Amino acid sequence: MVLNKDELINITGSGFKAGFLVIIGGIITLIIGAIDGYLRPLQCNK
């Protein structure tokens, strides 16, 4: 199957959606970790 120029221009990918979900997941993880560290501080073992 060969696509013409107009069909090639209208192709959309899902890279933005996947990247967006990764960024949101990272932010949520950071917030949960900060709250956990503030409410339940643990000492470092040397």
N, C-alpha and C. Protein backbone atom coordinates (compact mmCIF):
# COMPACT_ATOMS: atom_id res chain seq x y z
N MET A 1 0.85 -1.18 0.00
CA MET A 1 0.00 0.00 0.00
C MET A 1 0.90 1.24 0.00
N VAL A 2 0.60 2.15 -0.89
CA VAL A 2 1.36 3.39 -1.01
C VAL A 2 0.45 4.55 -0.61
N LEU A 3 0.95 5.41 0.27
CA LEU A 3 0.17 6.56 0.72
C LEU A 3 0.55 7.78 -0.10
N ASN A 4 -0.45 8.61 -0.40
CA ASN A 4 -0.13 9.84 -1.10
C ASN A 4 0.26 10.92 -0.09
N LYS A 5 0.60 12.10 -0.58
CA LYS A 5 1.11 13.17 0.27
C LYS A 5 0.09 13.60 1.33
N ASP A 6 -1.17 13.72 0.95
CA ASP A 6 -2.21 14.14 1.91
C ASP A 6 -2.41 13.11 3.02
N GLU A 7 -2.36 11.85 2.68
CA GLU A 7 -2.51 10.80 3.69
C GLU A 7 -1.32 10.78 4.64
N LEU A 8 -0.12 11.04 4.13
CA LEU A 8 1.07 11.07 4.99
C LEU A 8 1.01 12.24 5.97
N ILE A 9 0.46 13.36 5.53
CA ILE A 9 0.37 14.54 6.40
C ILE A 9 -0.62 14.29 7.55
N ASN A 10 -1.68 13.52 7.28
CA ASN A 10 -2.72 13.29 8.28
C ASN A 10 -2.43 12.16 9.25
N ILE A 11 -1.27 11.53 9.16
CA ILE A 11 -0.92 10.45 10.09
C ILE A 11 -0.60 11.06 11.45
N THR A 12 -1.22 10.52 12.49
CA THR A 12 -0.93 10.99 13.85
C THR A 12 -0.39 9.82 14.67
N GLY A 13 0.48 10.14 15.60
CA GLY A 13 1.07 9.11 16.45
C GLY A 13 0.64 9.27 17.88
N SER A 14 1.07 8.36 18.72
CA SER A 14 0.66 8.41 20.13
C SER A 14 1.84 8.77 21.04
N GLY A 15 2.93 9.25 20.50
CA GLY A 15 4.09 9.59 21.30
C GLY A 15 3.81 10.66 22.33
N PHE A 16 2.99 11.64 21.97
CA PHE A 16 2.66 12.72 22.90
C PHE A 16 1.85 12.18 24.07
N LYS A 17 0.89 11.33 23.81
CA LYS A 17 0.05 10.80 24.88
C LYS A 17 0.87 9.95 25.85
N ALA A 18 1.77 9.12 25.32
CA ALA A 18 2.60 8.28 26.19
C ALA A 18 3.53 9.15 27.03
N GLY A 19 4.15 10.14 26.42
CA GLY A 19 5.04 11.04 27.15
C GLY A 19 4.28 11.82 28.21
N PHE A 20 3.09 12.23 27.88
CA PHE A 20 2.27 12.97 28.84
C PHE A 20 1.95 12.11 30.05
N LEU A 21 1.61 10.85 29.81
CA LEU A 21 1.31 9.95 30.93
C LEU A 21 2.54 9.70 31.80
N VAL A 22 3.71 9.60 31.18
CA VAL A 22 4.95 9.39 31.94
C VAL A 22 5.24 10.61 32.81
N ILE A 23 5.05 11.79 32.28
CA ILE A 23 5.30 13.02 33.05
C ILE A 23 4.32 13.13 34.22
N ILE A 24 3.06 12.87 33.97
CA ILE A 24 2.06 12.94 35.05
C ILE A 24 2.36 11.89 36.12
N GLY A 25 2.74 10.68 35.71
CA GLY A 25 3.10 9.64 36.67
C GLY A 25 4.30 10.03 37.51
N GLY A 26 5.29 10.67 36.89
CA GLY A 26 6.47 11.12 37.62
C GLY A 26 6.14 12.20 38.64
N ILE A 27 5.28 13.11 38.25
CA ILE A 27 4.88 14.19 39.17
C ILE A 27 4.11 13.62 40.35
N ILE A 28 3.21 12.69 40.08
CA ILE A 28 2.44 12.07 41.17
C ILE A 28 3.36 11.31 42.11
N THR A 29 4.33 10.58 41.56
CA THR A 29 5.28 9.85 42.38
C THR A 29 6.11 10.79 43.25
N LEU A 30 6.54 11.90 42.68
CA LEU A 30 7.32 12.89 43.42
C LEU A 30 6.51 13.48 44.58
N ILE A 31 5.27 13.82 44.32
CA ILE A 31 4.42 14.40 45.36
C ILE A 31 4.17 13.39 46.48
N ILE A 32 3.86 12.14 46.12
CA ILE A 32 3.62 11.11 47.13
C ILE A 32 4.89 10.87 47.96
N GLY A 33 6.06 10.85 47.31
CA GLY A 33 7.31 10.65 48.02
C GLY A 33 7.62 11.80 48.97
N ALA A 34 7.33 13.03 48.55
CA ALA A 34 7.58 14.18 49.41
C ALA A 34 6.66 14.17 50.62
N ILE A 35 5.41 13.84 50.41
CA ILE A 35 4.46 13.78 51.53
C ILE A 35 4.85 12.65 52.49
N ASP A 36 5.22 11.49 51.95
CA ASP A 36 5.63 10.36 52.78
C ASP A 36 6.88 10.71 53.59
N GLY A 37 7.85 11.38 52.98
CA GLY A 37 9.07 11.76 53.68
C GLY A 37 8.83 12.80 54.75
N TYR A 38 7.86 13.67 54.52
CA TYR A 38 7.55 14.69 55.52
C TYR A 38 6.79 14.09 56.70
N LEU A 39 5.85 13.21 56.43
CA LEU A 39 5.04 12.65 57.51
C LEU A 39 5.74 11.51 58.24
N ARG A 40 6.66 10.83 57.58
CA ARG A 40 7.31 9.66 58.17
C ARG A 40 8.82 9.71 57.91
N PRO A 41 9.52 10.68 58.51
CA PRO A 41 10.96 10.78 58.25
C PRO A 41 11.73 9.59 58.83
N LEU A 42 12.63 9.04 58.06
CA LEU A 42 13.45 7.91 58.50
C LEU A 42 14.90 8.36 58.58
N GLN A 43 15.61 7.86 59.59
CA GLN A 43 17.02 8.19 59.74
C GLN A 43 17.86 7.39 58.77
N CYS A 44 18.97 7.96 58.35
CA CYS A 44 19.89 7.26 57.48
C CYS A 44 20.72 6.28 58.31
N ASN A 45 20.92 5.09 57.83
CA ASN A 45 21.76 4.10 58.52
C ASN A 45 23.18 4.22 57.98
N LYS A 46 24.14 4.48 58.89
CA LYS A 46 25.52 4.65 58.47
C LYS A 46 26.32 3.40 58.72
